[in-house]
Amino acid sequence: MLNYHVKIGLVPIRRDCTPRPGIFNWEYAEERARKTVAYIEEHFTSENVSFVDLKDINDVEVLYNEKDVQPVVDLMRKERADALRRTQRDFRQKSY
């Protein structure tokens, strides 16, 4: 049997634009990002796979501002993430 452990960084992002109704709504994007991260962590965490999320980066748990890029990089390096899963959450598709 293989003996391994993979740590994946989950990085949901949204556009940094003016708030407006429709498919680019901030609240929808942030809600979808939290649901997506929760779904991935709930269904794919195992003894061999773990995840790093953005809960400590900002209060919305989504990368949307250039000032948060370096803290995300630092977090992923500190946690020694083996890979990144970037998810664009601006659009109203329901995909996990």
N, C-alpha and C. Protein backbone atom coordinates (compact mmCIF):
# COMPACT_ATOMS: atom_id res chain seq x y z
N MET A 1 0.83 -1.17 0.00
CA MET A 1 0.00 0.00 0.00
C MET A 1 0.88 1.25 0.00
N LEU A 2 0.40 2.29 -0.68
CA LEU A 2 1.14 3.54 -0.73
C LEU A 2 1.03 4.29 0.59
N ASN A 3 2.12 4.90 0.98
CA ASN A 3 2.14 5.70 2.19
C ASN A 3 2.40 7.15 1.78
N TYR A 4 1.35 7.96 1.75
CA TYR A 4 1.50 9.34 1.32
C TYR A 4 0.50 10.22 2.05
N HIS A 5 0.76 11.52 2.01
CA HIS A 5 -0.19 12.51 2.50
C HIS A 5 -0.10 13.72 1.59
N VAL A 6 -1.22 14.15 1.08
CA VAL A 6 -1.29 15.31 0.19
C VAL A 6 -2.07 16.42 0.89
N LYS A 7 -1.51 17.62 0.88
CA LYS A 7 -2.18 18.78 1.45
C LYS A 7 -2.49 19.74 0.30
N ILE A 8 -3.77 20.06 0.14
CA ILE A 8 -4.23 20.88 -0.97
C ILE A 8 -4.74 22.22 -0.44
N GLY A 9 -4.24 23.31 -1.01
CA GLY A 9 -4.70 24.64 -0.64
C GLY A 9 -5.93 24.99 -1.45
N LEU A 10 -7.01 25.35 -0.78
CA LEU A 10 -8.25 25.75 -1.44
C LEU A 10 -8.31 27.27 -1.49
N VAL A 11 -8.33 27.81 -2.72
CA VAL A 11 -8.27 29.26 -2.90
C VAL A 11 -9.45 29.73 -3.75
N PRO A 12 -10.62 29.95 -3.13
CA PRO A 12 -11.73 30.51 -3.89
C PRO A 12 -11.48 31.99 -4.15
N ILE A 13 -11.81 32.44 -5.35
CA ILE A 13 -11.60 33.85 -5.69
C ILE A 13 -12.89 34.44 -6.25
N ARG A 14 -12.98 35.76 -6.19
CA ARG A 14 -14.07 36.49 -6.84
C ARG A 14 -13.50 37.79 -7.37
N ARG A 15 -14.22 38.41 -8.27
CA ARG A 15 -13.80 39.69 -8.82
C ARG A 15 -13.89 40.78 -7.75
N ASP A 16 -12.98 41.73 -7.82
CA ASP A 16 -13.03 42.90 -6.95
C ASP A 16 -13.66 44.02 -7.77
N CYS A 17 -14.98 44.05 -7.77
CA CYS A 17 -15.70 45.04 -8.57
C CYS A 17 -16.77 45.70 -7.71
N THR A 18 -17.42 46.68 -8.27
CA THR A 18 -18.46 47.37 -7.52
C THR A 18 -19.61 46.41 -7.24
N PRO A 19 -20.23 46.52 -6.09
CA PRO A 19 -21.36 45.64 -5.80
C PRO A 19 -22.53 45.95 -6.73
N ARG A 20 -23.12 44.92 -7.28
CA ARG A 20 -24.26 45.10 -8.16
C ARG A 20 -25.06 43.80 -8.20
N PRO A 21 -26.32 43.90 -8.55
CA PRO A 21 -27.13 42.69 -8.62
C PRO A 21 -26.71 41.84 -9.84
N GLY A 22 -27.06 40.60 -9.78
CA GLY A 22 -26.78 39.74 -10.93
C GLY A 22 -25.69 38.73 -10.65
N ILE A 23 -25.07 38.23 -11.69
CA ILE A 23 -24.13 37.11 -11.55
C ILE A 23 -22.82 37.50 -10.89
N PHE A 24 -22.51 38.78 -10.79
CA PHE A 24 -21.26 39.19 -10.15
C PHE A 24 -21.47 39.74 -8.75
N ASN A 25 -22.55 39.39 -8.11
CA ASN A 25 -22.88 39.85 -6.78
C ASN A 25 -21.88 39.29 -5.76
N TRP A 26 -21.31 40.16 -4.92
CA TRP A 26 -20.32 39.76 -3.92
C TRP A 26 -20.84 38.71 -2.96
N GLU A 27 -22.03 38.98 -2.43
CA GLU A 27 -22.57 38.08 -1.41
C GLU A 27 -22.77 36.67 -1.96
N TYR A 28 -23.29 36.57 -3.19
CA TYR A 28 -23.48 35.25 -3.81
C TYR A 28 -22.13 34.56 -4.01
N ALA A 29 -21.16 35.31 -4.49
CA ALA A 29 -19.84 34.72 -4.74
C ALA A 29 -19.21 34.22 -3.43
N GLU A 30 -19.30 35.00 -2.39
CA GLU A 30 -18.72 34.60 -1.11
C GLU A 30 -19.46 33.43 -0.49
N GLU A 31 -20.78 33.41 -0.61
CA GLU A 31 -21.57 32.29 -0.10
C GLU A 31 -21.23 31.00 -0.87
N ARG A 32 -21.15 31.09 -2.20
CA ARG A 32 -20.79 29.92 -3.01
C ARG A 32 -19.38 29.44 -2.67
N ALA A 33 -18.48 30.36 -2.41
CA ALA A 33 -17.11 29.98 -2.07
C ALA A 33 -17.09 29.19 -0.76
N ARG A 34 -17.78 29.68 0.26
CA ARG A 34 -17.82 28.97 1.54
C ARG A 34 -18.46 27.59 1.40
N LYS A 35 -19.54 27.51 0.62
CA LYS A 35 -20.20 26.21 0.41
C LYS A 35 -19.29 25.25 -0.35
N THR A 36 -18.58 25.75 -1.33
CA THR A 36 -17.69 24.90 -2.12
C THR A 36 -16.56 24.34 -1.25
N VAL A 37 -15.93 25.21 -0.47
CA VAL A 37 -14.84 24.77 0.41
C VAL A 37 -15.37 23.76 1.43
N ALA A 38 -16.52 24.03 2.02
CA ALA A 38 -17.09 23.10 3.00
C ALA A 38 -17.39 21.75 2.35
N TYR A 39 -17.94 21.77 1.14
CA TYR A 39 -18.25 20.52 0.43
C TYR A 39 -16.98 19.72 0.17
N ILE A 40 -15.96 20.38 -0.35
CA ILE A 40 -14.70 19.69 -0.65
C ILE A 40 -14.10 19.10 0.62
N GLU A 41 -14.03 19.90 1.67
CA GLU A 41 -13.44 19.41 2.93
C GLU A 41 -14.25 18.24 3.51
N GLU A 42 -15.56 18.34 3.44
CA GLU A 42 -16.41 17.29 4.00
C GLU A 42 -16.31 15.97 3.22
N HIS A 43 -16.26 16.06 1.91
CA HIS A 43 -16.33 14.85 1.08
C HIS A 43 -14.99 14.27 0.67
N PHE A 44 -13.91 15.03 0.79
CA PHE A 44 -12.64 14.54 0.27
C PHE A 44 -11.51 14.47 1.30
N THR A 45 -11.73 14.93 2.52
CA THR A 45 -10.71 14.80 3.55
C THR A 45 -10.60 13.33 3.96
N SER A 46 -9.38 12.86 4.07
CA SER A 46 -9.15 11.48 4.48
C SER A 46 -7.83 11.43 5.25
N GLU A 47 -7.41 10.23 5.60
CA GLU A 47 -6.13 10.12 6.30
C GLU A 47 -4.97 10.48 5.38
N ASN A 48 -5.20 10.47 4.06
CA ASN A 48 -4.13 10.79 3.11
C ASN A 48 -4.28 12.17 2.46
N VAL A 49 -5.41 12.82 2.67
CA VAL A 49 -5.66 14.11 2.02
C VAL A 49 -6.19 15.10 3.05
N SER A 50 -5.56 16.27 3.10
CA SER A 50 -6.05 17.35 3.96
C SER A 50 -6.05 18.65 3.16
N PHE A 51 -6.67 19.66 3.72
CA PHE A 51 -6.85 20.92 3.00
C PHE A 51 -6.44 22.11 3.86
N VAL A 52 -6.03 23.17 3.18
CA VAL A 52 -5.74 24.47 3.80
C VAL A 52 -6.73 25.45 3.19
N ASP A 53 -7.46 26.20 4.02
CA ASP A 53 -8.41 27.17 3.49
C ASP A 53 -7.99 28.59 3.86
N LEU A 54 -8.80 29.56 3.48
CA LEU A 54 -8.45 30.97 3.68
C LEU A 54 -9.12 31.59 4.91
N LYS A 55 -9.56 30.79 5.86
CA LYS A 55 -10.27 31.32 7.02
C LYS A 55 -9.45 32.33 7.81
N ASP A 56 -8.13 32.22 7.79
CA ASP A 56 -7.29 33.15 8.55
C ASP A 56 -6.82 34.36 7.73
N ILE A 57 -7.18 34.42 6.47
CA ILE A 57 -6.70 35.50 5.60
C ILE A 57 -7.58 36.74 5.68
N ASN A 58 -8.88 36.57 5.54
CA ASN A 58 -9.80 37.71 5.65
C ASN A 58 -11.15 37.21 6.14
N ASP A 59 -12.05 38.13 6.42
CA ASP A 59 -13.32 37.75 7.02
C ASP A 59 -14.30 37.09 6.05
N VAL A 60 -14.07 37.17 4.75
CA VAL A 60 -14.99 36.54 3.79
C VAL A 60 -14.45 35.23 3.23
N GLU A 61 -13.23 34.86 3.59
CA GLU A 61 -12.63 33.58 3.21
C GLU A 61 -12.50 33.40 1.70
N VAL A 62 -12.36 34.52 1.00
CA VAL A 62 -12.26 34.52 -0.46
C VAL A 62 -11.14 35.48 -0.87
N LEU A 63 -10.34 35.08 -1.83
CA LEU A 63 -9.31 35.97 -2.37
C LEU A 63 -9.97 36.89 -3.39
N TYR A 64 -9.98 38.18 -3.10
CA TYR A 64 -10.61 39.13 -4.02
C TYR A 64 -9.79 40.40 -4.17
N ASN A 65 -8.78 40.57 -3.37
CA ASN A 65 -8.02 41.81 -3.36
C ASN A 65 -6.54 41.50 -3.49
N GLU A 66 -5.85 42.30 -4.25
CA GLU A 66 -4.42 42.09 -4.48
C GLU A 66 -3.61 42.09 -3.18
N LYS A 67 -4.06 42.84 -2.19
CA LYS A 67 -3.31 42.92 -0.92
C LYS A 67 -3.30 41.58 -0.17
N ASP A 68 -4.24 40.69 -0.49
CA ASP A 68 -4.30 39.39 0.18
C ASP A 68 -3.48 38.31 -0.51
N VAL A 69 -2.92 38.61 -1.67
CA VAL A 69 -2.18 37.58 -2.41
C VAL A 69 -0.96 37.10 -1.62
N GLN A 70 -0.14 38.02 -1.13
CA GLN A 70 1.06 37.61 -0.40
C GLN A 70 0.72 36.85 0.89
N PRO A 71 -0.28 37.28 1.67
CA PRO A 71 -0.66 36.47 2.83
C PRO A 71 -1.12 35.06 2.45
N VAL A 72 -1.80 34.91 1.32
CA VAL A 72 -2.21 33.57 0.86
C VAL A 72 -0.97 32.74 0.51
N VAL A 73 -0.04 33.35 -0.21
CA VAL A 73 1.21 32.65 -0.56
C VAL A 73 1.94 32.23 0.72
N ASP A 74 2.06 33.15 1.66
CA ASP A 74 2.75 32.85 2.92
C ASP A 74 2.06 31.71 3.68
N LEU A 75 0.72 31.74 3.72
CA LEU A 75 -0.03 30.68 4.41
C LEU A 75 0.21 29.32 3.75
N MET A 76 0.14 29.28 2.43
CA MET A 76 0.33 28.01 1.73
C MET A 76 1.76 27.48 1.92
N ARG A 77 2.72 28.37 1.95
CA ARG A 77 4.10 27.94 2.21
C ARG A 77 4.27 27.45 3.64
N LYS A 78 3.69 28.19 4.59
CA LYS A 78 3.79 27.81 6.00
C LYS A 78 3.14 26.44 6.24
N GLU A 79 1.98 26.22 5.62
CA GLU A 79 1.26 24.96 5.77
C GLU A 79 1.81 23.85 4.87
N ARG A 80 2.77 24.22 4.02
CA ARG A 80 3.42 23.26 3.11
C ARG A 80 2.41 22.56 2.20
N ALA A 81 1.54 23.37 1.57
CA ALA A 81 0.55 22.82 0.64
C ALA A 81 1.27 22.23 -0.57
N ASP A 82 0.85 21.04 -0.97
CA ASP A 82 1.44 20.36 -2.12
C ASP A 82 0.84 20.83 -3.44
N ALA A 83 -0.38 21.35 -3.40
CA ALA A 83 -1.07 21.78 -4.62
C ALA A 83 -2.09 22.85 -4.24
N LEU A 84 -2.56 23.58 -5.24
CA LEU A 84 -3.60 24.59 -5.04
C LEU A 84 -4.80 24.25 -5.90
N ARG A 85 -5.98 24.50 -5.36
CA ARG A 85 -7.23 24.38 -6.10
C ARG A 85 -7.87 25.74 -6.08
N ARG A 86 -7.76 26.44 -7.21
CA ARG A 86 -8.34 27.78 -7.34
C ARG A 86 -9.73 27.64 -7.94
N THR A 87 -10.70 28.29 -7.33
CA THR A 87 -12.08 28.19 -7.79
C THR A 87 -12.64 29.58 -7.98
N GLN A 88 -13.09 29.90 -9.19
CA GLN A 88 -13.74 31.19 -9.48
C GLN A 88 -15.19 31.08 -9.06
N ARG A 89 -15.65 31.94 -8.14
CA ARG A 89 -17.00 31.82 -7.61
C ARG A 89 -17.91 32.96 -8.00
N ASP A 90 -17.60 33.71 -9.05
CA ASP A 90 -18.43 34.84 -9.45
C ASP A 90 -19.69 34.42 -10.20
N PHE A 91 -19.64 33.32 -10.87
CA PHE A 91 -20.73 32.96 -11.75
C PHE A 91 -21.73 32.06 -11.04
N ARG A 92 -22.94 32.00 -11.52
CA ARG A 92 -24.00 31.27 -10.83
C ARG A 92 -24.07 29.80 -11.20
N GLN A 93 -23.00 29.23 -11.65
CA GLN A 93 -23.02 27.79 -11.91
C GLN A 93 -22.95 27.06 -10.58
N LYS A 94 -23.52 25.88 -10.52
CA LYS A 94 -23.46 25.09 -9.30
C LYS A 94 -22.51 23.94 -9.56
N SER A 95 -21.25 24.17 -9.30
CA SER A 95 -20.26 23.12 -9.50
C SER A 95 -19.38 23.05 -8.28
N TYR A 96 -19.05 21.88 -7.88
CA TYR A 96 -18.16 21.69 -6.75
C TYR A 96 -16.90 21.09 -7.28
